[in-house]
Amino acid sequence: MTCAPLGAEGSVRESAIVRPELPEPAVCIDAPHYGPHVCGRAPLMDPMGWGMAPLLEPAMKARNLAGGPWPQGTDAPQDQNLLPRKYFEIDFPTITARKLSIIRSKQQLANPLLETHSSGNLNLADRSDLDTDRYALVGADLREPAIVEEKLRRCGLNPKLPTVLLAECVLVYMAPSQSCQLLRWAADTFQTALFLSYEQVNLGDRFGQVMIENLRQRHCFLAGAMVCHSFKTQVKRYLDSNWPQANALDMRDVYRRLPKDDVKRIEALEFLDEGELLQQLLQHYCISWAWKDQAGIGLDSVNFDGRPPDLL
């Protein structure tokens, strides 16, 4: 999958994005939400972009792995070989229908698809699905992996290619049995893959319980909160779902490990006036990642600071 476009600021999206394939592809699950759409004030920061970049860079260098649009606030790779061969996005059919409607109505969105599509006529008339040479928009429910795989293969997915899967607040909105089913499908389907997920952690403490209650009052239920209790529960879910290795780090530690120049750029983009609240929030969100490397392309080296991972 890929680093899919991030959700609207201050909103909890009901979307799930998958995108794989590059010169050695990438598949990505990004930002789904299995509850009602909830809008609030803009977030303090956009951690998905700056948090994922330190892990994606070594993954790409390992064997040209990547996945779609580059994270916001980071520099896009100049080498075309580092871009995905094809980008697959999966969302609920009702959401992909809206996205397709927007694509059809905006020349700046439709033209690049038309320009990069060379194999026959491009059909923009379908209600919820789109398949081009470099991009596929697929309407499906991630809780039904068999249907997801069927649609992806129909669009040309090759599971033998190295694949990156990215998930932004996806699994937490699924029941543990459903998220494990999805993770197990990914582990069993792709021979060489890196799965990265950004979502809540430490939900067992007081701050975490307040987060859950605030969302519940807005009719937004975290069906997978149990798995977000700690780093150990996050990593255990991967290991129980046939991923041989996994790790996790909270966003406060991720932020501390970013290069100072990157931190300055991030803070210049988004003014911070609630530092203490930000620190609490960062302690309750994490990036977890799991990998399998049958092709031996060096995914074991994917980690922050280039250090060997400390498995939990």
Protein backbone atom coordinates (compact mmCIF):
# COMPACT_ATOMS: atom_id res chain seq x y z
CA MET A 1 0.00 0.00 0.00
CA THR A 2 1.25 3.47 0.07
CA CYS A 3 1.49 6.71 2.00
CA ALA A 4 -1.95 7.67 0.95
CA PRO A 5 -3.16 11.26 1.05
CA LEU A 6 -3.95 12.21 4.61
CA GLY A 7 -7.47 12.81 5.82
CA ALA A 8 -9.08 16.19 6.05
CA GLU A 9 -7.67 18.18 8.95
CA GLY A 10 -9.66 17.83 12.14
CA SER A 11 -11.79 15.01 10.84
CA VAL A 12 -12.12 11.31 11.46
CA ARG A 13 -12.58 9.83 8.01
CA GLU A 14 -14.57 6.78 7.04
CA SER A 15 -12.03 5.70 4.50
CA ALA A 16 -9.49 2.98 3.99
CA ILE A 17 -6.79 3.23 1.41
CA VAL A 18 -4.65 0.53 -0.07
CA ARG A 19 -2.05 1.06 -2.63
CA PRO A 20 0.67 -1.19 -3.80
CA GLU A 21 3.24 -1.50 -6.48
CA LEU A 22 6.21 0.34 -7.73
CA PRO A 23 9.22 -0.59 -9.78
CA GLU A 24 9.03 -2.92 -6.90
CA PRO A 25 5.62 -1.85 -5.60
CA ALA A 26 3.92 -0.62 -2.59
CA VAL A 27 0.51 -1.40 -1.22
CA CYS A 28 -0.98 0.87 1.34
CA ILE A 29 -3.96 0.89 3.62
CA ASP A 30 -4.68 4.41 4.68
CA ALA A 31 -7.17 6.15 6.91
CA PRO A 32 -10.41 4.30 7.08
CA HIS A 33 -13.06 4.84 9.63
CA TYR A 34 -15.90 2.43 10.28
CA GLY A 35 -18.03 4.92 12.15
CA PRO A 36 -19.76 8.23 11.49
CA HIS A 37 -17.87 11.18 10.07
CA VAL A 38 -16.80 13.50 12.87
CA CYS A 39 -15.34 16.95 12.36
CA GLY A 40 -13.65 19.08 14.95
CA ARG A 41 -10.96 21.70 15.17
CA ALA A 42 -7.75 21.34 13.24
CA PRO A 43 -5.18 18.95 14.78
CA LEU A 44 -2.13 20.24 16.60
CA MET A 45 0.15 18.64 14.05
CA ASP A 46 0.09 16.19 11.17
CA PRO A 47 2.16 13.27 12.54
CA MET A 48 1.40 10.76 9.80
CA GLY A 49 3.59 12.56 7.28
CA TRP A 50 6.62 13.36 9.39
CA GLY A 51 6.36 10.16 11.40
CA MET A 52 6.35 7.70 8.51
CA ALA A 53 9.11 9.33 6.47
CA PRO A 54 12.07 8.03 8.58
CA LEU A 55 10.84 4.46 8.03
CA LEU A 56 9.90 4.83 4.38
CA GLU A 57 13.27 6.24 3.33
CA PRO A 58 15.33 3.18 4.35
CA ALA A 59 12.63 0.91 2.97
CA MET A 60 12.93 2.58 -0.42
CA LYS A 61 16.69 2.45 -0.33
CA ALA A 62 16.48 -1.23 0.53
CA ARG A 63 14.96 -1.93 -2.89
CA ASN A 64 13.17 1.04 -4.37
CA LEU A 65 10.16 0.53 -2.13
CA ALA A 66 7.65 3.34 -1.87
CA GLY A 67 4.00 3.92 -2.20
CA GLY A 68 2.18 6.79 -3.76
CA PRO A 69 2.15 10.46 -2.83
CA TRP A 70 5.06 11.47 -0.63
CA PRO A 71 4.23 12.38 3.01
CA GLN A 72 3.33 16.01 3.52
CA GLY A 73 6.19 18.16 4.80
CA THR A 74 8.88 15.93 3.28
CA ASP A 75 10.75 16.10 0.01
CA ALA A 76 9.51 13.84 -2.79
CA PRO A 77 12.14 11.57 -4.36
CA GLN A 78 13.61 12.91 -7.58
CA ASP A 79 14.48 9.48 -8.96
CA GLN A 80 11.47 8.14 -10.87
CA ASN A 81 12.56 4.61 -9.97
CA LEU A 82 11.64 5.38 -6.37
CA LEU A 83 8.04 6.09 -7.30
CA PRO A 84 5.44 3.33 -7.26
CA ARG A 85 4.81 1.49 -10.48
CA LYS A 86 1.16 1.59 -9.57
CA TYR A 87 -0.79 3.07 -6.70
CA PHE A 88 -3.84 1.21 -5.38
CA GLU A 89 -6.32 3.03 -3.19
CA ILE A 90 -9.12 1.18 -1.44
CA ASP A 91 -12.04 2.89 0.20
CA PHE A 92 -15.70 2.21 0.83
CA PRO A 93 -17.65 2.32 -2.46
CA THR A 94 -19.65 5.33 -1.25
CA ILE A 95 -16.39 7.20 -0.63
CA THR A 96 -14.70 6.16 -3.87
CA ALA A 97 -17.83 7.29 -5.72
CA ARG A 98 -17.38 10.77 -4.23
CA LYS A 99 -13.68 10.76 -5.07
CA LEU A 100 -14.37 9.75 -8.66
CA SER A 101 -16.96 12.49 -8.94
CA ILE A 102 -14.35 15.02 -7.80
CA ILE A 103 -11.73 13.61 -10.20
CA ARG A 104 -14.15 13.90 -13.11
CA SER A 105 -14.99 17.49 -12.22
CA LYS A 106 -11.38 18.70 -11.74
CA GLN A 107 -9.10 18.85 -14.75
CA GLN A 108 -6.03 19.11 -12.56
CA LEU A 109 -6.93 15.68 -11.14
CA ALA A 110 -8.20 13.97 -14.27
CA ASN A 111 -5.49 15.16 -16.68
CA PRO A 112 -2.51 13.48 -14.96
CA LEU A 113 -4.39 10.18 -14.99
CA LEU A 114 -5.18 10.56 -18.68
CA GLU A 115 -1.61 11.62 -19.51
CA THR A 116 0.01 8.64 -17.78
CA HIS A 117 -2.49 6.09 -19.11
CA SER A 118 -1.36 4.46 -22.34
CA SER A 119 -3.05 1.05 -22.49
CA GLY A 120 -6.37 1.71 -24.20
CA ASN A 121 -9.22 4.07 -23.43
CA LEU A 122 -9.61 5.26 -19.87
CA ASN A 123 -13.10 4.93 -18.43
CA LEU A 124 -13.98 7.68 -15.98
CA ALA A 125 -17.68 6.86 -16.10
CA ASP A 126 -17.70 3.98 -13.61
CA ARG A 127 -19.51 4.89 -10.41
CA SER A 128 -16.99 3.76 -7.80
CA ASP A 129 -13.93 2.12 -9.40
CA LEU A 130 -11.11 3.41 -11.59
CA ASP A 131 -8.16 1.54 -13.08
CA THR A 132 -5.31 3.32 -14.89
CA ASP A 133 -1.71 2.41 -15.67
CA ARG A 134 -0.35 4.12 -12.54
CA TYR A 135 -3.37 4.46 -10.23
CA ALA A 136 -6.34 2.33 -9.22
CA LEU A 137 -9.24 3.46 -7.04
CA VAL A 138 -11.11 0.45 -5.70
CA GLY A 139 -14.40 0.44 -3.82
CA ALA A 140 -14.26 -2.32 -1.20
CA ASP A 141 -14.45 -3.03 2.52
CA LEU A 142 -11.18 -4.01 4.23
CA ARG A 143 -13.17 -6.28 6.53
CA GLU A 144 -13.63 -8.55 3.50
CA PRO A 145 -10.03 -9.37 2.43
CA ALA A 146 -11.07 -11.95 -0.17
CA ILE A 147 -13.09 -9.34 -2.09
CA VAL A 148 -10.31 -6.78 -1.62
CA GLU A 149 -7.75 -9.18 -3.12
CA GLU A 150 -10.01 -10.11 -6.02
CA LYS A 151 -10.50 -6.45 -6.96
CA LEU A 152 -6.80 -5.63 -6.56
CA ARG A 153 -5.73 -8.53 -8.76
CA ARG A 154 -8.27 -7.45 -11.36
CA CYS A 155 -6.43 -4.10 -11.41
CA GLY A 156 -3.06 -5.77 -11.91
CA LEU A 157 -1.71 -6.26 -8.40
CA ASN A 158 1.36 -8.52 -8.29
CA PRO A 159 1.86 -9.85 -4.71
CA LYS A 160 5.30 -11.20 -5.64
CA LEU A 161 6.69 -7.66 -5.81
CA PRO A 162 7.97 -6.04 -2.59
CA THR A 163 5.10 -4.10 -1.10
CA VAL A 164 4.67 -1.36 1.51
CA LEU A 165 1.36 -1.17 3.34
CA LEU A 166 0.49 1.99 5.24
CA ALA A 167 -2.46 2.37 7.58
CA GLU A 168 -3.51 5.65 9.22
CA CYS A 169 -6.05 5.09 11.99
CA VAL A 170 -7.44 2.09 10.14
CA LEU A 171 -7.15 -0.93 12.41
CA VAL A 172 -8.39 0.81 15.57
CA TYR A 173 -11.86 1.16 14.03
CA MET A 174 -12.06 -2.56 13.31
CA ALA A 175 -12.84 -5.30 15.81
CA PRO A 176 -9.64 -7.18 16.79
CA SER A 177 -10.78 -10.29 14.92
CA GLN A 178 -11.30 -8.20 11.77
CA SER A 179 -7.97 -6.35 11.94
CA CYS A 180 -6.15 -9.64 12.61
CA GLN A 181 -7.89 -11.14 9.59
CA LEU A 182 -6.70 -8.24 7.42
CA LEU A 183 -3.13 -8.44 8.76
CA ARG A 184 -3.07 -12.21 8.26
CA TRP A 185 -4.28 -11.79 4.69
CA ALA A 186 -1.49 -9.29 4.02
CA ALA A 187 1.16 -11.52 5.61
CA ASP A 188 0.00 -14.57 3.65
CA THR A 189 -0.49 -12.72 0.34
CA PHE A 190 2.69 -10.67 -0.08
CA GLN A 191 6.04 -12.45 -0.17
CA THR A 192 8.12 -9.42 0.77
CA ALA A 193 6.31 -6.63 2.59
CA LEU A 194 6.50 -3.84 5.15
CA PHE A 195 3.32 -2.92 7.05
CA LEU A 196 3.25 0.43 8.86
CA SER A 197 0.36 1.58 11.00
CA TYR A 198 -0.32 4.90 12.73
CA GLU A 199 -2.95 4.83 15.47
CA GLN A 200 -3.60 5.11 19.19
CA VAL A 201 -1.65 3.42 21.98
CA ASN A 202 -1.61 3.49 25.81
CA LEU A 203 -5.41 3.71 25.87
CA GLY A 204 -5.48 1.94 29.23
CA ASP A 205 -4.36 4.99 31.25
CA ARG A 206 -6.52 7.92 32.36
CA PHE A 207 -5.74 10.11 29.38
CA GLY A 208 -6.49 7.26 27.01
CA GLN A 209 -9.82 6.56 28.70
CA VAL A 210 -10.79 10.22 28.35
CA MET A 211 -9.94 10.03 24.64
CA ILE A 212 -12.17 6.99 24.22
CA GLU A 213 -15.04 8.60 26.13
CA ASN A 214 -14.81 11.86 24.16
CA LEU A 215 -15.03 9.93 20.91
CA ARG A 216 -17.87 7.79 22.24
CA GLN A 217 -19.88 10.89 23.05
CA ARG A 218 -19.50 11.86 19.40
CA HIS A 219 -20.81 8.41 18.38
CA CYS A 220 -17.36 7.35 17.24
CA PHE A 221 -16.49 3.95 18.69
CA LEU A 222 -12.98 2.48 18.76
CA ALA A 223 -13.81 -1.17 18.18
CA GLY A 224 -10.13 -2.07 18.30
CA ALA A 225 -9.22 -0.13 21.45
CA MET A 226 -8.28 -3.34 23.26
CA VAL A 227 -5.35 -3.91 20.89
CA CYS A 228 -4.20 -0.31 21.45
CA HIS A 229 -3.75 -0.86 25.19
CA SER A 230 0.06 -0.96 24.96
CA PHE A 231 3.03 -1.47 22.66
CA LYS A 232 3.03 -5.16 23.53
CA THR A 233 -0.58 -5.63 22.44
CA GLN A 234 0.17 -3.77 19.20
CA VAL A 235 3.17 -5.97 18.39
CA LYS A 236 1.44 -9.17 19.54
CA ARG A 237 -1.34 -8.61 17.00
CA TYR A 238 1.21 -8.67 14.17
CA LEU A 239 2.98 -11.75 15.51
CA ASP A 240 -0.33 -13.56 16.00
CA SER A 241 -1.23 -12.69 12.38
CA ASN A 242 1.74 -14.48 10.77
CA TRP A 243 4.12 -11.51 10.62
CA PRO A 244 7.54 -12.83 11.73
CA GLN A 245 8.83 -9.52 13.14
CA ALA A 246 7.25 -6.33 14.46
CA ASN A 247 8.01 -3.24 16.53
CA ALA A 248 6.36 -0.01 17.72
CA LEU A 249 7.31 3.47 18.92
CA ASP A 250 5.15 6.26 20.31
CA MET A 251 5.03 9.54 18.43
CA ARG A 252 6.83 11.45 21.19
CA ASP A 253 9.89 9.24 20.70
CA VAL A 254 9.51 9.45 16.94
CA TYR A 255 9.47 13.24 17.15
CA ARG A 256 12.54 13.29 19.39
CA ARG A 257 14.47 11.19 16.86
CA LEU A 258 13.75 13.40 13.88
CA PRO A 259 16.65 15.46 12.51
CA LYS A 260 16.67 18.96 14.03
CA ASP A 261 16.28 20.58 10.61
CA ASP A 262 13.12 18.56 10.02
CA VAL A 263 11.71 19.58 13.40
CA LYS A 264 12.31 23.26 12.61
CA ARG A 265 10.57 22.90 9.26
CA ILE A 266 7.59 21.08 10.78
CA GLU A 267 7.14 23.61 13.58
CA ALA A 268 7.43 26.48 11.11
CA LEU A 269 4.57 24.96 9.10
CA GLU A 270 2.30 24.45 12.09
CA PHE A 271 2.40 26.87 14.99
CA LEU A 272 2.36 25.10 18.37
CA ASP A 273 0.67 26.91 21.24
CA GLU A 274 -0.32 23.88 23.35
CA GLY A 275 2.96 22.10 23.96
CA GLU A 276 1.90 20.10 27.03
CA LEU A 277 -1.24 18.80 25.34
CA LEU A 278 0.78 17.89 22.27
CA GLN A 279 3.18 15.81 24.38
CA GLN A 280 0.25 13.94 25.96
CA LEU A 281 -1.27 13.27 22.57
CA LEU A 282 2.02 12.09 21.10
CA GLN A 283 2.36 9.60 23.96
CA HIS A 284 -1.01 8.14 23.00
CA TYR A 285 -0.31 7.63 19.30
CA CYS A 286 2.28 5.34 17.82
CA ILE A 287 3.77 3.97 14.66
CA SER A 288 3.95 0.19 14.63
CA TRP A 289 5.53 -1.80 11.85
CA ALA A 290 5.92 -5.42 10.82
CA TRP A 291 7.92 -6.96 8.02
CA LYS A 292 8.73 -10.14 6.14
CA ASP A 293 11.66 -10.26 3.77
CA GLN A 294 11.66 -13.44 1.69
CA ALA A 295 13.48 -11.62 -1.11
CA GLY A 296 16.26 -10.50 1.23
CA ILE A 297 16.12 -6.84 0.21
CA GLY A 298 17.13 -5.51 3.64
CA LEU A 299 13.84 -4.76 5.39
CA ASP A 300 15.49 -5.69 8.69
CA SER A 301 17.32 -2.37 8.44
CA VAL A 302 14.10 -0.35 8.41
CA ASN A 303 14.08 1.50 11.70
CA PHE A 304 14.46 4.96 13.22
CA ASP A 305 18.03 6.24 13.39
CA GLY A 306 19.18 3.19 11.44
CA ARG A 307 19.52 1.26 14.69
CA PRO A 308 18.56 -2.43 15.03
CA PRO A 309 14.96 -2.65 16.27
CA ASP A 310 14.33 -3.48 19.91
CA LEU A 311 11.56 -6.02 19.57
CA LEU A 312 8.99 -5.85 22.34
